[in-house]
Amino acid sequence: MKSVVVPSTIVSAHDLRASSYIPRVRDDRPAINEANFARWCETFDKALQQAHAAGHFKWPASELPSVAHRFKVAFGSCTYNHDGPAVKLACEELGIKHTRRSIEAFLRAPAAVSR
């Protein structure tokens, strides 16, 4: 099994796209699709802000970048809690179920072929 080194400077989907940090959890799974991962992170950032504004989280708004970063690392390594309000909002926005299987299928879907 490969070990994953997480850069400490990743704080946005743009940083994720600019970095080479697209981890693999197990060798028998396809790699995470970078475009889908960036789309997920952008959608999740918005959902996290909405969930915080709705009062679902007790931590201060100044902690949003740090919390978003930790979530992105967890999504990249597939070690996240899929039952949270921000994850549910992000899944609803993307039109997928808020199950671990659906989220991973979205993140690992092959890139669309453009014609």
N, C-alpha and C. Protein backbone atom coordinates (compact mmCIF):
# COMPACT_ATOMS: atom_id res chain seq x y z
N MET A 1 0.84 -1.17 0.00
CA MET A 1 0.00 0.00 0.00
C MET A 1 0.89 1.24 0.00
N LYS A 2 0.55 2.22 -0.81
CA LYS A 2 1.32 3.45 -0.89
C LYS A 2 0.98 4.35 0.28
N SER A 3 1.97 5.05 0.79
CA SER A 3 1.69 6.05 1.81
C SER A 3 1.38 7.37 1.12
N VAL A 4 0.50 8.14 1.72
CA VAL A 4 0.07 9.40 1.13
C VAL A 4 0.68 10.55 1.92
N VAL A 5 1.38 11.43 1.24
CA VAL A 5 1.93 12.62 1.87
C VAL A 5 1.03 13.78 1.51
N VAL A 6 0.51 14.45 2.52
CA VAL A 6 -0.44 15.53 2.31
C VAL A 6 0.28 16.87 2.44
N PRO A 7 0.30 17.66 1.38
CA PRO A 7 0.90 18.98 1.51
C PRO A 7 0.08 19.85 2.46
N SER A 8 0.74 20.59 3.31
CA SER A 8 0.02 21.38 4.31
C SER A 8 -0.51 22.69 3.75
N THR A 9 -0.17 23.02 2.51
CA THR A 9 -0.58 24.30 1.95
C THR A 9 -1.85 24.24 1.12
N ILE A 10 -2.46 23.08 0.96
CA ILE A 10 -3.67 22.95 0.16
C ILE A 10 -4.84 23.52 0.94
N VAL A 11 -5.47 24.57 0.42
CA VAL A 11 -6.61 25.16 1.11
C VAL A 11 -7.79 25.41 0.19
N SER A 12 -7.65 25.19 -1.10
CA SER A 12 -8.76 25.42 -2.02
C SER A 12 -8.70 24.42 -3.16
N ALA A 13 -9.79 24.35 -3.91
CA ALA A 13 -9.82 23.45 -5.07
C ALA A 13 -8.77 23.87 -6.09
N HIS A 14 -8.54 25.18 -6.21
CA HIS A 14 -7.52 25.67 -7.13
C HIS A 14 -6.15 25.12 -6.74
N ASP A 15 -5.84 25.15 -5.44
CA ASP A 15 -4.57 24.61 -4.97
C ASP A 15 -4.49 23.12 -5.23
N LEU A 16 -5.63 22.42 -5.09
CA LEU A 16 -5.63 20.99 -5.35
C LEU A 16 -5.35 20.70 -6.82
N ARG A 17 -5.95 21.51 -7.71
CA ARG A 17 -5.69 21.32 -9.14
C ARG A 17 -4.25 21.64 -9.47
N ALA A 18 -3.67 22.64 -8.82
CA ALA A 18 -2.31 23.05 -9.11
C ALA A 18 -1.30 22.06 -8.54
N SER A 19 -1.68 21.33 -7.51
CA SER A 19 -0.74 20.38 -6.92
C SER A 19 -0.89 19.03 -7.62
N SER A 20 -0.03 18.14 -7.28
CA SER A 20 -0.13 16.79 -7.83
C SER A 20 -0.77 15.86 -6.81
N TYR A 21 -1.47 16.41 -5.84
CA TYR A 21 -2.06 15.63 -4.76
C TYR A 21 -3.41 15.05 -5.17
N ILE A 22 -3.37 13.92 -5.82
CA ILE A 22 -4.57 13.14 -6.10
C ILE A 22 -4.23 11.73 -5.61
N PRO A 23 -4.62 11.44 -4.38
CA PRO A 23 -4.19 10.20 -3.75
C PRO A 23 -4.95 8.98 -4.23
N ARG A 24 -4.40 7.84 -3.93
CA ARG A 24 -5.05 6.56 -4.15
C ARG A 24 -5.17 5.87 -2.81
N VAL A 25 -6.31 5.26 -2.56
CA VAL A 25 -6.53 4.61 -1.28
C VAL A 25 -5.99 3.19 -1.31
N ARG A 26 -6.42 2.42 -2.29
CA ARG A 26 -5.94 1.05 -2.45
C ARG A 26 -5.47 0.90 -3.89
N ASP A 27 -4.54 0.01 -4.11
CA ASP A 27 -4.00 -0.17 -5.46
C ASP A 27 -5.00 -0.75 -6.44
N ASP A 28 -6.05 -1.44 -5.95
CA ASP A 28 -7.01 -2.05 -6.86
C ASP A 28 -8.13 -1.10 -7.27
N ARG A 29 -8.15 0.12 -6.76
CA ARG A 29 -9.17 1.10 -7.14
C ARG A 29 -8.58 2.07 -8.17
N PRO A 30 -9.44 2.57 -9.05
CA PRO A 30 -8.94 3.59 -9.97
C PRO A 30 -8.60 4.86 -9.21
N ALA A 31 -7.70 5.64 -9.76
CA ALA A 31 -7.30 6.90 -9.14
C ALA A 31 -8.47 7.87 -9.13
N ILE A 32 -8.43 8.81 -8.22
CA ILE A 32 -9.45 9.84 -8.17
C ILE A 32 -9.30 10.74 -9.39
N ASN A 33 -10.41 11.01 -10.05
CA ASN A 33 -10.41 11.89 -11.23
C ASN A 33 -10.20 13.32 -10.75
N GLU A 34 -9.15 13.94 -11.21
CA GLU A 34 -8.77 15.28 -10.76
C GLU A 34 -9.87 16.31 -11.02
N ALA A 35 -10.51 16.25 -12.18
CA ALA A 35 -11.57 17.21 -12.52
C ALA A 35 -12.78 17.03 -11.60
N ASN A 36 -13.16 15.78 -11.35
CA ASN A 36 -14.29 15.52 -10.45
C ASN A 36 -13.95 15.92 -9.02
N PHE A 37 -12.71 15.69 -8.61
CA PHE A 37 -12.29 16.06 -7.27
C PHE A 37 -12.33 17.58 -7.10
N ALA A 38 -11.88 18.31 -8.10
CA ALA A 38 -11.91 19.78 -8.04
C ALA A 38 -13.36 20.27 -8.01
N ARG A 39 -14.21 19.66 -8.83
CA ARG A 39 -15.64 20.03 -8.84
C ARG A 39 -16.28 19.75 -7.49
N TRP A 40 -15.96 18.58 -6.91
CA TRP A 40 -16.48 18.23 -5.59
C TRP A 40 -16.02 19.26 -4.56
N CYS A 41 -14.74 19.62 -4.58
CA CYS A 41 -14.20 20.55 -3.58
C CYS A 41 -14.85 21.93 -3.70
N GLU A 42 -15.06 22.40 -4.92
CA GLU A 42 -15.72 23.69 -5.11
C GLU A 42 -17.15 23.66 -4.58
N THR A 43 -17.86 22.59 -4.89
CA THR A 43 -19.24 22.43 -4.42
C THR A 43 -19.28 22.28 -2.91
N PHE A 44 -18.34 21.52 -2.37
CA PHE A 44 -18.30 21.31 -0.92
C PHE A 44 -17.98 22.62 -0.18
N ASP A 45 -17.09 23.44 -0.73
CA ASP A 45 -16.78 24.73 -0.10
C ASP A 45 -18.05 25.56 0.07
N LYS A 46 -18.85 25.63 -0.98
CA LYS A 46 -20.11 26.39 -0.91
C LYS A 46 -21.07 25.77 0.09
N ALA A 47 -21.16 24.44 0.08
CA ALA A 47 -22.07 23.74 0.99
C ALA A 47 -21.62 23.91 2.44
N LEU A 48 -20.33 23.91 2.68
CA LEU A 48 -19.81 24.09 4.03
C LEU A 48 -20.16 25.49 4.55
N GLN A 49 -20.04 26.48 3.69
CA GLN A 49 -20.40 27.85 4.09
C GLN A 49 -21.91 27.95 4.38
N GLN A 50 -22.73 27.31 3.54
CA GLN A 50 -24.18 27.33 3.75
C GLN A 50 -24.55 26.63 5.06
N ALA A 51 -23.93 25.48 5.31
CA ALA A 51 -24.22 24.72 6.53
C ALA A 51 -23.78 25.51 7.77
N HIS A 52 -22.65 26.18 7.67
CA HIS A 52 -22.18 26.99 8.80
C HIS A 52 -23.12 28.17 9.04
N ALA A 53 -23.56 28.82 7.97
CA ALA A 53 -24.48 29.96 8.10
C ALA A 53 -25.83 29.52 8.68
N ALA A 54 -26.23 28.28 8.41
CA ALA A 54 -27.49 27.76 8.93
C ALA A 54 -27.38 27.31 10.38
N GLY A 55 -26.16 27.38 10.95
CA GLY A 55 -25.97 27.03 12.35
C GLY A 55 -25.70 25.57 12.64
N HIS A 56 -25.31 24.80 11.64
CA HIS A 56 -25.05 23.38 11.85
C HIS A 56 -23.73 23.12 12.57
N PHE A 57 -22.81 24.09 12.53
CA PHE A 57 -21.49 23.92 13.14
C PHE A 57 -21.28 24.98 14.21
N LYS A 58 -20.60 24.61 15.29
CA LYS A 58 -20.38 25.52 16.41
C LYS A 58 -19.08 26.31 16.30
N TRP A 59 -18.15 25.89 15.45
CA TRP A 59 -16.86 26.60 15.37
C TRP A 59 -17.03 27.93 14.66
N PRO A 60 -16.14 28.88 14.94
CA PRO A 60 -16.27 30.23 14.35
C PRO A 60 -16.00 30.23 12.84
N ALA A 61 -16.54 31.24 12.17
CA ALA A 61 -16.38 31.35 10.71
C ALA A 61 -14.92 31.49 10.31
N SER A 62 -14.09 32.01 11.20
CA SER A 62 -12.66 32.14 10.88
C SER A 62 -11.98 30.79 10.69
N GLU A 63 -12.61 29.72 11.16
CA GLU A 63 -12.05 28.37 11.03
C GLU A 63 -12.44 27.68 9.71
N LEU A 64 -13.30 28.30 8.89
CA LEU A 64 -13.76 27.67 7.64
C LEU A 64 -12.63 27.18 6.75
N PRO A 65 -11.58 27.99 6.47
CA PRO A 65 -10.51 27.49 5.60
C PRO A 65 -9.81 26.25 6.17
N SER A 66 -9.58 26.25 7.47
CA SER A 66 -8.92 25.11 8.10
C SER A 66 -9.79 23.85 8.05
N VAL A 67 -11.07 24.02 8.34
CA VAL A 67 -12.00 22.89 8.30
C VAL A 67 -12.14 22.36 6.87
N ALA A 68 -12.26 23.27 5.91
CA ALA A 68 -12.37 22.86 4.50
C ALA A 68 -11.13 22.09 4.07
N HIS A 69 -9.97 22.53 4.50
CA HIS A 69 -8.73 21.83 4.17
C HIS A 69 -8.73 20.41 4.73
N ARG A 70 -9.12 20.27 5.99
CA ARG A 70 -9.15 18.94 6.59
C ARG A 70 -10.15 18.02 5.89
N PHE A 71 -11.29 18.57 5.50
CA PHE A 71 -12.26 17.78 4.75
C PHE A 71 -11.70 17.34 3.40
N LYS A 72 -11.02 18.23 2.70
CA LYS A 72 -10.48 17.89 1.39
C LYS A 72 -9.44 16.78 1.49
N VAL A 73 -8.63 16.82 2.52
CA VAL A 73 -7.67 15.74 2.74
C VAL A 73 -8.42 14.44 3.01
N ALA A 74 -9.48 14.51 3.81
CA ALA A 74 -10.27 13.31 4.11
C ALA A 74 -10.97 12.77 2.86
N PHE A 75 -11.50 13.67 2.00
CA PHE A 75 -12.12 13.21 0.76
C PHE A 75 -11.08 12.57 -0.16
N GLY A 76 -9.90 13.14 -0.22
CA GLY A 76 -8.84 12.59 -1.06
C GLY A 76 -8.40 11.21 -0.63
N SER A 77 -8.45 10.95 0.66
CA SER A 77 -8.04 9.64 1.16
C SER A 77 -9.23 8.74 1.51
N CYS A 78 -10.45 9.23 1.24
CA CYS A 78 -11.70 8.49 1.48
C CYS A 78 -11.86 8.09 2.94
N THR A 79 -11.53 9.03 3.84
CA THR A 79 -11.67 8.79 5.28
C THR A 79 -12.57 9.85 5.90
N TYR A 80 -13.67 10.14 5.28
CA TYR A 80 -14.56 11.22 5.68
C TYR A 80 -15.86 10.68 6.25
N ASN A 81 -16.60 11.54 6.95
CA ASN A 81 -17.94 11.22 7.44
C ASN A 81 -18.93 11.73 6.39
N HIS A 82 -19.67 10.85 5.79
CA HIS A 82 -20.59 11.24 4.72
C HIS A 82 -21.98 11.64 5.23
N ASP A 83 -22.19 11.66 6.53
CA ASP A 83 -23.50 11.99 7.09
C ASP A 83 -23.65 13.44 7.52
N GLY A 84 -22.64 14.25 7.37
CA GLY A 84 -22.70 15.64 7.80
C GLY A 84 -23.57 16.50 6.90
N PRO A 85 -24.04 17.63 7.43
CA PRO A 85 -24.92 18.49 6.64
C PRO A 85 -24.25 19.09 5.41
N ALA A 86 -22.97 19.41 5.48
CA ALA A 86 -22.28 19.99 4.32
C ALA A 86 -22.13 18.95 3.21
N VAL A 87 -21.85 17.73 3.57
CA VAL A 87 -21.72 16.66 2.57
C VAL A 87 -23.07 16.41 1.91
N LYS A 88 -24.14 16.42 2.71
CA LYS A 88 -25.48 16.21 2.16
C LYS A 88 -25.85 17.33 1.18
N LEU A 89 -25.52 18.58 1.54
CA LEU A 89 -25.80 19.70 0.64
C LEU A 89 -24.99 19.59 -0.65
N ALA A 90 -23.72 19.22 -0.54
CA ALA A 90 -22.87 19.08 -1.73
C ALA A 90 -23.40 17.97 -2.64
N CYS A 91 -23.80 16.86 -2.05
CA CYS A 91 -24.34 15.76 -2.85
C CYS A 91 -25.63 16.16 -3.54
N GLU A 92 -26.48 16.88 -2.83
CA GLU A 92 -27.73 17.35 -3.42
C GLU A 92 -27.45 18.27 -4.61
N GLU A 93 -26.48 19.16 -4.46
CA GLU A 93 -26.12 20.09 -5.53
C GLU A 93 -25.58 19.34 -6.76
N LEU A 94 -24.84 18.27 -6.53
CA LEU A 94 -24.26 17.49 -7.64
C LEU A 94 -25.20 16.42 -8.16
N GLY A 95 -26.32 16.21 -7.49
CA GLY A 95 -27.29 15.23 -7.95
C GLY A 95 -26.90 13.79 -7.68
N ILE A 96 -26.15 13.57 -6.60
CA ILE A 96 -25.77 12.20 -6.23
C ILE A 96 -26.29 11.91 -4.83
N LYS A 97 -26.39 10.62 -4.49
CA LYS A 97 -26.81 10.23 -3.15
C LYS A 97 -25.70 10.56 -2.17
N HIS A 98 -26.07 10.79 -0.91
CA HIS A 98 -25.04 11.09 0.08
C HIS A 98 -24.57 9.81 0.79
N THR A 99 -24.19 8.83 -0.02
CA THR A 99 -23.61 7.60 0.51
C THR A 99 -22.14 7.56 0.12
N ARG A 100 -21.38 6.85 0.90
CA ARG A 100 -19.94 6.73 0.61
C ARG A 100 -19.72 6.14 -0.78
N ARG A 101 -20.50 5.15 -1.14
CA ARG A 101 -20.35 4.50 -2.44
C ARG A 101 -20.61 5.48 -3.59
N SER A 102 -21.65 6.29 -3.48
CA SER A 102 -21.98 7.25 -4.53
C SER A 102 -20.93 8.36 -4.64
N ILE A 103 -20.46 8.82 -3.49
CA ILE A 103 -19.44 9.88 -3.50
C ILE A 103 -18.16 9.35 -4.13
N GLU A 104 -17.73 8.16 -3.73
CA GLU A 104 -16.51 7.60 -4.31
C GLU A 104 -16.68 7.31 -5.79
N ALA A 105 -17.86 6.86 -6.19
CA ALA A 105 -18.10 6.62 -7.63
C ALA A 105 -17.98 7.93 -8.40
N PHE A 106 -18.50 9.01 -7.83
CA PHE A 106 -18.38 10.31 -8.48
C PHE A 106 -16.91 10.73 -8.56
N LEU A 107 -16.18 10.61 -7.47
CA LEU A 107 -14.78 11.04 -7.45
C LEU A 107 -13.89 10.20 -8.36
N ARG A 108 -14.25 8.94 -8.54
CA ARG A 108 -13.40 8.03 -9.33
C ARG A 108 -13.92 7.78 -10.74
N ALA A 109 -14.99 8.47 -11.13
CA ALA A 109 -15.53 8.28 -12.48
C ALA A 109 -14.49 8.71 -13.51
N PRO A 110 -14.40 7.96 -14.61
CA PRO A 110 -13.44 8.35 -15.65
C PRO A 110 -13.81 9.69 -16.26
N ALA A 111 -12.83 10.36 -16.76
CA ALA A 111 -13.03 11.68 -17.38
C ALA A 111 -13.94 11.52 -18.61
N ALA A 112 -14.80 12.51 -18.80
CA ALA A 112 -15.68 12.51 -19.96
C ALA A 112 -14.85 12.73 -21.22
N VAL A 113 -15.20 12.05 -22.27
CA VAL A 113 -14.48 12.18 -23.53
C VAL A 113 -15.12 13.33 -24.31
N SER A 114 -14.33 14.31 -24.67
CA SER A 114 -14.85 15.43 -25.45
C SER A 114 -14.69 15.13 -26.93
N ARG A 115 -15.66 15.58 -27.70
CA ARG A 115 -15.62 15.31 -29.15
C ARG A 115 -15.27 16.54 -29.90
